[in-house]
C-alpha cells in the first residue's frame, strides 16, 4: 500500500511536469489529455485518478510552472543587492527564461491569450502567480525606498509580460531581441527614476 501511494505521487508529478512543458511549448488547445498521458508514459485511463478535468490539470500545471520560475529567480538573486536583484530578474525573465533551451517558461507571457478563456480555478492560479512575481520584485524596490513599490513592480511585470508576448510574434530573431532590449532599457529607466525620487539630492 505504501509503495502504491509513492508510485501514484510520482506518476502525478510526472504528469504535471509533462503537462506544464507541453502546454507552455505547444499551447493548451493543441494539447489533449491523451497527448500528455502518452508523453508521460502513462495510460489515458489513469488520468482521472489524479485530476478532475483538463482544467484542473491546467491549473495544477500552471502552479507548478510558477513554482519553478520563482525558485529559479530566488536562486539567481541570492546575496545580491536590491538593484542588482531587480536587474537580474528583469534580464532573466526577458531573455533567459524564454530561451528555447530553457525547460522553464512563464504562463503569463506564454499562454495569456488562451488562459483568459479558462475557468475561475485556472485564472485564480494565474493571478496568484502574477501576484507572487509582483511581490517578489516589490520586496527589492521597497529596499530602494521607492514610495509606490507595489505599483512600480506591477508596471514592470506588465512590461516584461507584454514584451515577451509581442517578441514571440516577431519573424526575425533580431526584431524579437530589439523588443526585449527596449523593454529592459525602459524598465531600467523607470527603476532609476524611482530610486532618484526616493533619495532627492
Protein backbone atom coordinates (compact mmCIF):
# COMPACT_ATOMS: atom_id res chain seq x y z
CA UNK A 1 0.00 0.00 0.00
CA UNK A 2 2.78 2.37 0.94
CA UNK A 3 4.59 1.68 -2.32
CA UNK A 4 1.46 2.27 -4.39
CA UNK A 5 0.96 5.68 -2.80
CA UNK A 6 4.53 6.62 -3.56
CA UNK A 7 4.14 5.43 -7.15
CA UNK A 8 0.87 7.35 -7.52
CA UNK A 9 2.55 10.52 -6.24
CA UNK A 10 5.45 10.04 -8.66
CA UNK A 11 3.04 9.44 -11.54
CA UNK A 12 1.11 12.59 -10.70
CA UNK A 13 4.32 14.59 -10.53
CA UNK A 14 5.38 13.22 -13.92
CA UNK A 15 2.04 14.13 -15.48
CA UNK A 16 2.28 17.67 -14.08
CA UNK A 17 5.80 18.19 -15.39
CA UNK A 18 4.84 16.82 -18.80
CA UNK A 19 1.64 18.86 -18.99
CA UNK A 20 3.40 22.04 -17.95
CA UNK A 21 6.03 21.60 -20.67
CA UNK A 22 3.54 20.67 -23.42
CA UNK A 23 1.05 23.44 -22.55
CA UNK A 24 3.79 26.07 -22.49
CA UNK A 25 5.52 24.92 -25.67
CA UNK A 26 2.61 23.69 -27.79
CA UNK A 27 -0.40 25.54 -26.38
CA UNK A 28 -3.38 24.48 -24.28
CA UNK A 29 -5.87 23.96 -27.08
CA UNK A 30 -3.39 21.98 -29.15
CA UNK A 31 -2.59 19.64 -26.25
CA UNK A 32 -5.10 16.96 -25.31
CA UNK A 33 -5.21 14.79 -22.23
CA UNK A 34 -4.10 11.80 -24.31
CA UNK A 35 -1.08 13.77 -25.57
CA UNK A 36 0.01 14.47 -22.00
CA UNK A 37 -0.50 10.93 -20.76
CA UNK A 38 1.31 9.32 -23.69
CA UNK A 39 4.24 11.72 -23.31
CA UNK A 40 4.34 10.93 -19.60
CA UNK A 41 4.44 7.22 -20.38
CA UNK A 42 1.08 6.51 -18.75
CA UNK A 43 -2.31 5.28 -19.92
CA UNK A 44 -5.09 7.78 -20.55
CA UNK A 45 -7.37 5.79 -18.25
CA UNK A 46 -5.26 6.74 -15.26
CA UNK A 47 -5.75 10.46 -15.78
CA UNK A 48 -8.88 10.78 -13.65
CA UNK A 49 -7.21 9.14 -10.68
CA UNK A 50 -5.15 12.29 -10.39
CA UNK A 51 -7.20 15.13 -11.90
CA UNK A 52 -10.88 16.04 -12.13
CA UNK A 53 -10.64 17.52 -15.62
CA UNK A 54 -8.31 19.13 -18.14
CA UNK A 55 -8.97 22.50 -16.48
CA UNK A 56 -7.84 21.04 -13.15
CA UNK A 57 -4.65 19.82 -14.86
CA UNK A 58 -4.06 23.24 -16.43
CA UNK A 59 -4.39 24.90 -13.02
CA UNK A 60 -2.02 22.46 -11.33
CA UNK A 61 0.50 22.53 -14.18
CA UNK A 62 0.49 26.35 -14.22
CA UNK A 63 1.03 26.46 -10.46
CA UNK A 64 3.98 24.08 -10.87
CA UNK A 65 5.42 26.29 -13.62
CA UNK A 66 5.22 29.35 -11.36
CA UNK A 67 6.88 27.42 -8.53
CA UNK A 68 9.78 26.52 -10.84
CA UNK A 69 10.08 30.10 -12.11
CA UNK A 70 10.13 31.63 -8.64
CA UNK A 71 12.65 29.08 -7.40
CA UNK A 72 14.89 29.95 -10.36
CA UNK A 73 14.62 33.67 -9.60
CA UNK A 74 15.32 33.19 -5.90
CA UNK A 75 18.46 31.22 -6.66
CA UNK A 76 19.65 33.76 -9.24
CA UNK A 77 19.40 36.77 -6.88
CA UNK A 78 20.67 35.15 -3.70
CA UNK A 79 23.12 37.51 -1.97
CA UNK A 80 22.63 40.32 -4.50
CA UNK A 81 21.91 43.97 -3.74
CA UNK A 82 18.34 45.21 -4.41
CA UNK A 83 19.33 46.99 -7.63
CA UNK A 84 21.33 44.01 -8.85
CA UNK A 85 18.50 41.64 -7.98
CA UNK A 86 15.95 43.66 -9.95
CA UNK A 87 18.23 43.83 -12.98
CA UNK A 88 18.86 40.07 -12.82
CA UNK A 89 15.15 39.24 -12.55
CA UNK A 90 14.24 41.51 -15.46
CA UNK A 91 17.02 40.22 -17.71
CA UNK A 92 16.34 36.62 -16.72
CA UNK A 93 12.62 36.96 -17.48
CA UNK A 94 13.10 38.74 -20.79
CA UNK A 95 15.95 36.69 -22.21
CA UNK A 96 16.89 33.53 -20.33
CA UNK A 97 13.51 32.29 -19.12
CA UNK A 98 12.14 32.33 -22.66
CA UNK A 99 15.18 30.76 -24.34
CA UNK A 100 14.46 27.72 -26.47
CA UNK A 101 16.89 25.56 -24.48
CA UNK A 102 15.36 26.54 -21.14
CA UNK A 103 12.91 24.00 -19.78
CA UNK A 104 11.04 26.65 -17.80
CA UNK A 105 8.59 29.15 -19.29
CA UNK A 106 6.14 31.60 -17.72
CA UNK A 107 2.38 31.03 -18.21
CA UNK A 108 1.75 34.80 -18.04
CA UNK A 109 3.63 35.60 -21.24
CA UNK A 110 3.32 32.24 -22.98
CA UNK A 111 -0.34 31.33 -22.50
CA UNK A 112 -2.17 34.58 -21.64
CA UNK A 113 -4.25 34.61 -24.84
CA UNK A 114 -5.53 31.09 -24.12
CA UNK A 115 -5.78 31.34 -20.34
CA UNK A 116 -8.27 34.21 -20.46
CA UNK A 117 -10.84 31.70 -21.72
CA UNK A 118 -10.19 29.30 -18.84
CA UNK A 119 -12.37 28.76 -15.80
CA UNK A 120 -12.10 30.61 -12.48
CA UNK A 121 -9.86 27.94 -10.94
CA UNK A 122 -7.23 28.40 -13.63
CA UNK A 123 -7.50 32.20 -13.60
CA UNK A 124 -7.01 32.23 -9.82
CA UNK A 125 -3.77 30.27 -10.19
CA UNK A 126 -2.50 32.61 -12.90
CA UNK A 127 -3.36 35.73 -10.91
CA UNK A 128 -1.66 34.24 -7.87
CA UNK A 129 1.46 33.63 -9.96
CA UNK A 130 1.32 37.23 -11.18
CA UNK A 131 0.95 38.45 -7.60
CA UNK A 132 3.93 36.37 -6.45
CA UNK A 133 6.15 37.87 -9.13
CA UNK A 134 4.98 41.42 -8.37
CA UNK A 135 5.57 41.00 -4.63
CA UNK A 136 8.97 39.45 -5.21
CA UNK A 137 10.10 42.42 -7.31
CA UNK A 138 8.43 44.84 -4.88
CA UNK A 139 10.46 43.42 -1.97
CA UNK A 140 13.65 44.70 -3.63
CA UNK A 141 12.11 48.01 -4.71
CA UNK A 142 11.00 48.61 -1.12
CA UNK A 143 14.64 48.30 -0.04
CA UNK A 144 15.45 51.08 -2.53
CA UNK A 145 12.94 53.26 -0.62
CA UNK A 146 10.65 53.54 -3.66
CA UNK A 147 7.34 55.00 -2.46
CA UNK A 148 4.88 53.07 -4.61
CA UNK A 149 6.94 49.90 -4.79
CA UNK A 150 3.95 47.65 -5.44
CA UNK A 151 2.68 49.89 -8.23
CA UNK A 152 6.11 50.07 -9.84
CA UNK A 153 6.58 46.31 -9.54
CA UNK A 154 3.20 45.74 -11.19
CA UNK A 155 4.17 48.04 -14.06
CA UNK A 156 7.49 46.25 -14.52
CA UNK A 157 5.82 42.84 -14.66
CA UNK A 158 3.29 44.15 -17.19
CA UNK A 159 6.11 45.48 -19.40
CA UNK A 160 8.01 42.19 -19.19
CA UNK A 161 4.97 40.04 -19.96
CA UNK A 162 3.90 42.29 -22.83
CA UNK A 163 7.37 42.45 -24.34
CA UNK A 164 7.83 38.68 -24.28
CA UNK A 165 4.36 38.13 -25.74
CA UNK A 166 4.95 40.56 -28.61
CA UNK A 167 8.51 39.35 -29.26
CA UNK A 168 7.13 35.84 -29.80
CA UNK A 169 5.28 37.19 -32.85
CA UNK A 170 8.42 38.53 -34.49
CA UNK A 171 9.53 36.53 -37.51
CA UNK A 172 13.16 37.63 -37.31
CA UNK A 173 15.28 36.99 -34.24
CA UNK A 174 16.82 40.49 -34.35
CA UNK A 175 13.37 42.08 -34.23
CA UNK A 176 12.41 39.98 -31.22
CA UNK A 177 15.67 40.87 -29.49
CA UNK A 178 15.08 44.59 -30.10
CA UNK A 179 11.66 44.37 -28.45
CA UNK A 180 13.11 42.69 -25.39
CA UNK A 181 16.14 45.02 -25.24
CA UNK A 182 13.94 48.12 -25.41
CA UNK A 183 11.74 46.74 -22.63
CA UNK A 184 14.81 46.12 -20.46
CA UNK A 185 16.06 49.67 -21.06
CA UNK A 186 12.64 51.17 -20.27
CA UNK A 187 12.39 49.20 -17.03
CA UNK A 188 15.91 50.30 -16.06
CA UNK A 189 14.95 53.93 -16.61
CA UNK A 190 11.80 53.51 -14.51
CA UNK A 191 13.77 51.97 -11.64
CA UNK A 192 16.50 54.63 -11.80
CA UNK A 193 13.92 57.43 -11.82
CA UNK A 194 12.01 55.97 -8.88
CA UNK A 195 15.22 55.46 -6.91
CA UNK A 196 16.34 59.05 -7.52
CA UNK A 197 12.98 60.39 -6.37
CA UNK A 198 13.29 58.28 -3.22
CA UNK A 199 16.67 59.88 -2.48
CA UNK A 200 16.43 63.52 -3.56
CA UNK A 201 19.65 65.49 -3.77
